[in-house]
N, C-alpha and C. Protein backbone atom coordinates (compact mmCIF):
# COMPACT_ATOMS: atom_id res chain seq x y z
N MET A 1 -9.19 11.80 1.16
CA MET A 1 -8.68 11.21 -0.09
C MET A 1 -9.64 10.38 -0.23
N TRP A 2 -9.95 9.69 -1.47
CA TRP A 2 -11.11 8.46 -1.79
C TRP A 2 -10.25 7.12 -1.70
N ILE A 3 -10.48 6.26 -0.88
CA ILE A 3 -9.85 4.66 -0.94
C ILE A 3 -11.41 3.93 -0.76
N TYR A 4 -11.54 3.10 -1.42
CA TYR A 4 -12.54 2.22 -1.89
C TYR A 4 -12.63 1.40 -0.37
N ASN A 5 -13.79 1.57 0.49
CA ASN A 5 -13.99 0.84 1.87
C ASN A 5 -13.92 -0.69 1.48
N LEU A 6 -12.97 -1.45 1.55
CA LEU A 6 -12.61 -2.86 1.16
C LEU A 6 -13.36 -3.38 2.50
N ALA A 7 -13.40 -2.81 3.68
CA ALA A 7 -13.86 -3.57 4.77
C ALA A 7 -15.52 -4.23 4.68
N GLN A 8 -16.10 -3.27 3.73
CA GLN A 8 -17.78 -3.54 2.87
C GLN A 8 -17.62 -5.16 2.32
N ASN A 9 -16.37 -5.59 1.72
CA ASN A 9 -15.99 -6.63 1.00
C ASN A 9 -16.20 -7.83 2.13
N THR A 10 -17.00 -8.75 1.78
CA THR A 10 -17.48 -10.02 2.85
C THR A 10 -16.14 -11.23 2.79
N ASN A 11 -15.45 -11.00 1.76
CA ASN A 11 -14.50 -11.71 2.10
C ASN A 11 -13.41 -11.34 3.02
N ASP A 12 -13.04 -11.89 4.09
CA ASP A 12 -11.98 -11.36 5.11
C ASP A 12 -10.45 -11.25 4.72
N SER A 13 -10.50 -12.32 3.53
CA SER A 13 -8.68 -13.04 3.39
C SER A 13 -8.27 -11.88 2.29
N LEU A 14 -9.52 -10.81 1.72
CA LEU A 14 -9.03 -9.86 0.64
C LEU A 14 -7.82 -8.73 1.04
N ILE A 15 -6.37 -9.26 -0.02
CA ILE A 15 -5.22 -8.37 0.43
C ILE A 15 -5.37 -7.44 -0.70
N VAL A 16 -4.65 -6.22 -0.03
CA VAL A 16 -4.62 -5.21 -1.31
C VAL A 16 -3.10 -4.86 -1.36
N SER A 17 -2.41 -5.14 -2.70
CA SER A 17 -1.15 -4.84 -3.09
C SER A 17 -1.20 -3.35 -3.60
N TRP A 18 -0.14 -2.26 -3.15
CA TRP A 18 -0.46 -0.99 -3.31
C TRP A 18 1.18 -0.46 -3.46
N LYS A 19 0.93 0.79 -4.25
CA LYS A 19 1.83 1.48 -4.65
C LYS A 19 2.25 3.07 -4.08
N LEU A 20 2.93 3.25 -3.15
CA LEU A 20 3.00 4.67 -2.74
C LEU A 20 4.28 5.44 -3.58
N GLN A 21 4.30 6.55 -3.83
CA GLN A 21 5.32 7.37 -4.47
C GLN A 21 5.84 8.36 -3.16
N TYR A 22 7.24 8.29 -2.97
CA TYR A 22 7.83 9.50 -2.40
C TYR A 22 7.89 11.00 -3.08
N VAL A 23 6.84 11.71 -2.18
CA VAL A 23 6.67 13.09 -3.05
C VAL A 23 8.44 13.91 -3.43
N LYS A 24 8.76 13.87 -2.33
CA LYS A 24 10.17 14.31 -2.21
C LYS A 24 11.22 14.11 -3.48
N ASP A 25 11.19 12.83 -3.72
CA ASP A 25 12.20 12.04 -5.18
C ASP A 25 11.33 11.42 -5.93
N ASN A 26 10.15 11.31 -5.86
CA ASN A 26 9.61 10.31 -6.90
C ASN A 26 9.89 9.01 -6.94
N LYS A 27 10.46 8.38 -6.00
CA LYS A 27 11.01 7.16 -5.71
C LYS A 27 9.51 6.21 -5.31
N PHE A 28 9.42 5.05 -5.33
CA PHE A 28 8.40 3.99 -4.72
C PHE A 28 8.54 3.55 -3.60
N TYR A 29 7.43 2.78 -3.03
CA TYR A 29 7.35 1.99 -2.14
C TYR A 29 6.42 1.06 -2.41
N VAL A 30 6.56 -0.27 -2.54
CA VAL A 30 5.35 -1.17 -2.36
C VAL A 30 5.08 -1.80 -1.62
N GLY A 31 3.83 -2.45 -1.22
CA GLY A 31 3.49 -3.01 -0.07
C GLY A 31 2.33 -3.75 -0.33
N PHE A 32 1.83 -4.68 0.46
CA PHE A 32 0.40 -5.14 0.61
C PHE A 32 -0.12 -5.24 2.17
N THR A 33 -1.39 -5.21 2.17
CA THR A 33 -2.16 -4.91 3.37
C THR A 33 -3.61 -5.26 3.54
N LYS A 34 -4.36 -5.53 4.51
CA LYS A 34 -5.46 -6.01 4.69
C LYS A 34 -6.53 -4.66 4.61
N ASP A 35 -5.52 -3.84 5.23
CA ASP A 35 -6.48 -2.65 5.20
C ASP A 35 -6.04 -1.16 4.92
N LEU A 36 -6.11 -0.61 3.65
CA LEU A 36 -5.25 -0.12 2.88
C LEU A 36 -5.54 1.42 3.64
N LYS A 37 -6.46 1.78 3.74
CA LYS A 37 -6.49 3.26 4.46
C LYS A 37 -5.77 3.58 5.69
N LYS A 38 -6.17 2.47 6.68
CA LYS A 38 -5.53 2.41 7.85
C LYS A 38 -3.64 2.38 8.06
N ARG A 39 -3.19 1.48 6.98
CA ARG A 39 -1.71 1.52 6.63
C ARG A 39 -1.11 2.87 5.90
N PHE A 40 -1.92 2.97 4.63
CA PHE A 40 -1.49 4.17 4.48
C PHE A 40 -1.68 5.58 5.47
N ASP A 41 -2.15 5.46 6.38
CA ASP A 41 -2.75 6.54 7.47
C ASP A 41 -0.98 6.69 7.87
N GLU A 42 -0.95 5.46 8.35
CA GLU A 42 0.34 4.62 9.38
C GLU A 42 1.58 5.23 8.86
N HIS A 43 1.84 4.97 7.15
CA HIS A 43 2.71 5.65 6.60
C HIS A 43 3.02 6.84 6.57
N ASN A 44 1.74 7.60 6.15
CA ASN A 44 1.86 9.03 6.48
C ASN A 44 2.23 9.82 7.39
N LYS A 45 1.82 9.12 8.57
CA LYS A 45 2.03 10.00 10.12
C LYS A 45 3.31 9.36 10.64
N GLY A 46 3.99 8.75 10.03
CA GLY A 46 5.59 8.35 10.51
C GLY A 46 5.78 7.29 11.39
N ILE A 47 4.31 6.35 11.56
CA ILE A 47 4.65 5.17 12.38
C ILE A 47 5.39 3.90 11.84
N VAL A 48 5.59 4.29 10.34
CA VAL A 48 6.34 2.96 9.65
C VAL A 48 7.74 3.42 9.54
N SER A 49 8.76 2.67 9.97
CA SER A 49 10.09 3.33 9.78
C SER A 49 10.52 2.99 8.86
N SER A 50 10.31 2.24 7.85
CA SER A 50 10.92 2.39 6.40
C SER A 50 10.49 3.25 5.83
N THR A 51 9.65 4.09 5.85
CA THR A 51 9.08 5.12 5.20
C THR A 51 9.29 6.33 6.11
N VAL A 52 9.18 6.16 7.35
CA VAL A 52 9.36 7.80 7.99
C VAL A 52 10.17 8.91 7.93
N PHE A 53 11.32 8.72 6.83
CA PHE A 53 12.08 9.36 6.84
C PHE A 53 11.84 9.98 5.26
N ARG A 54 11.00 9.85 4.56
CA ARG A 54 10.85 9.77 3.12
C ARG A 54 9.16 10.52 2.78
N ARG A 55 8.70 11.02 4.21
CA ARG A 55 7.28 11.43 3.65
C ARG A 55 7.18 12.92 3.35
N PRO A 56 6.33 13.18 2.59
CA PRO A 56 4.97 12.80 2.67
C PRO A 56 5.15 11.98 1.36
N LEU A 57 3.94 11.07 1.37
CA LEU A 57 3.70 10.28 0.46
C LEU A 57 2.37 10.01 -0.50
N LYS A 58 2.30 9.85 -1.88
CA LYS A 58 1.01 9.63 -2.20
C LYS A 58 0.62 8.36 -2.87
N LEU A 59 -0.44 7.86 -3.03
CA LEU A 59 -0.57 6.57 -2.92
C LEU A 59 -1.15 6.74 -4.94
N ILE A 60 -0.42 5.69 -5.59
CA ILE A 60 -0.44 5.64 -6.61
C ILE A 60 -0.98 4.73 -7.46
N TYR A 61 -1.04 3.73 -6.97
CA TYR A 61 -1.80 2.42 -7.21
C TYR A 61 -2.40 1.33 -5.80
N TYR A 62 -3.71 0.63 -6.24
CA TYR A 62 -3.82 -0.42 -5.52
C TYR A 62 -4.37 -1.36 -6.00
N GLU A 63 -4.20 -2.68 -5.80
CA GLU A 63 -5.15 -3.75 -6.73
C GLU A 63 -5.52 -4.69 -5.41
N ALA A 64 -6.38 -5.02 -5.63
CA ALA A 64 -7.35 -5.90 -4.57
C ALA A 64 -6.74 -7.46 -5.10
N CYS A 65 -6.48 -8.33 -4.25
CA CYS A 65 -6.03 -9.74 -4.40
C CYS A 65 -6.73 -10.54 -3.59
N LEU A 66 -7.10 -11.78 -3.97
CA LEU A 66 -8.10 -12.88 -3.25
C LEU A 66 -6.83 -13.48 -2.14
N ASN A 67 -5.70 -13.43 -2.03
CA ASN A 67 -5.03 -13.91 -0.71
C ASN A 67 -3.54 -13.24 -0.79
N GLU A 68 -2.62 -13.42 0.22
CA GLU A 68 -1.64 -12.82 0.02
C GLU A 68 -0.78 -13.35 -0.83
N THR A 69 -0.52 -14.86 -1.11
CA THR A 69 0.10 -15.27 -2.33
C THR A 69 0.45 -14.34 -3.39
N ASP A 70 -1.09 -14.03 -3.84
CA ASP A 70 -0.84 -13.16 -5.01
C ASP A 70 -1.01 -11.56 -4.86
N ALA A 71 -0.74 -11.28 -3.66
CA ALA A 71 -0.37 -9.98 -3.31
C ALA A 71 1.02 -9.67 -3.25
N THR A 72 1.87 -10.65 -2.67
CA THR A 72 3.34 -10.91 -2.55
C THR A 72 3.52 -11.18 -3.77
N GLY A 73 3.24 -11.71 -4.77
CA GLY A 73 3.54 -11.71 -6.26
C GLY A 73 3.66 -10.50 -6.86
N LEU A 74 2.32 -10.02 -6.65
CA LEU A 74 2.98 -8.44 -7.32
C LEU A 74 3.93 -7.76 -6.95
N LYS A 75 4.07 -7.73 -5.79
CA LYS A 75 5.35 -7.32 -5.25
C LYS A 75 6.67 -7.48 -5.79
N ARG A 76 6.69 -8.71 -6.10
CA ARG A 76 7.65 -8.97 -6.41
C ARG A 76 8.26 -8.63 -7.81
N MET A 77 7.29 -8.76 -8.46
CA MET A 77 7.20 -8.41 -9.98
C MET A 77 7.28 -6.78 -10.24
N GLU A 78 7.09 -6.10 -8.89
CA GLU A 78 7.40 -4.62 -9.47
C GLU A 78 8.53 -3.79 -9.06
N PRO A 79 9.07 -3.24 -10.11
CA PRO A 79 10.27 -2.53 -9.86
C PRO A 79 10.31 -1.52 -9.01
N VAL A 80 11.24 -1.40 -8.13
CA VAL A 80 11.23 -0.26 -6.93
C VAL A 80 12.33 0.43 -7.25
N ASP A 81 12.37 1.78 -7.25
CA ASP A 81 13.43 2.49 -7.28
C ASP A 81 14.24 2.64 -6.07
């Protein structure tokens, strides 16, 4: 899977707001993280309790934010089914 290596960015406070889609029912999960690849893998491996029973998931959108306030603002604006 291709995910831009955000670790190359020198800004340690970079936060990624992202949207996953459940393959089974096409509903969505929205979140934010500092390590997109690690967090996506955790969701698909069943490590995250909020998505463990709805796997597999696919990443359909992500956006880099300069801080957590911006990332959580995007999360609140996003309608979730």
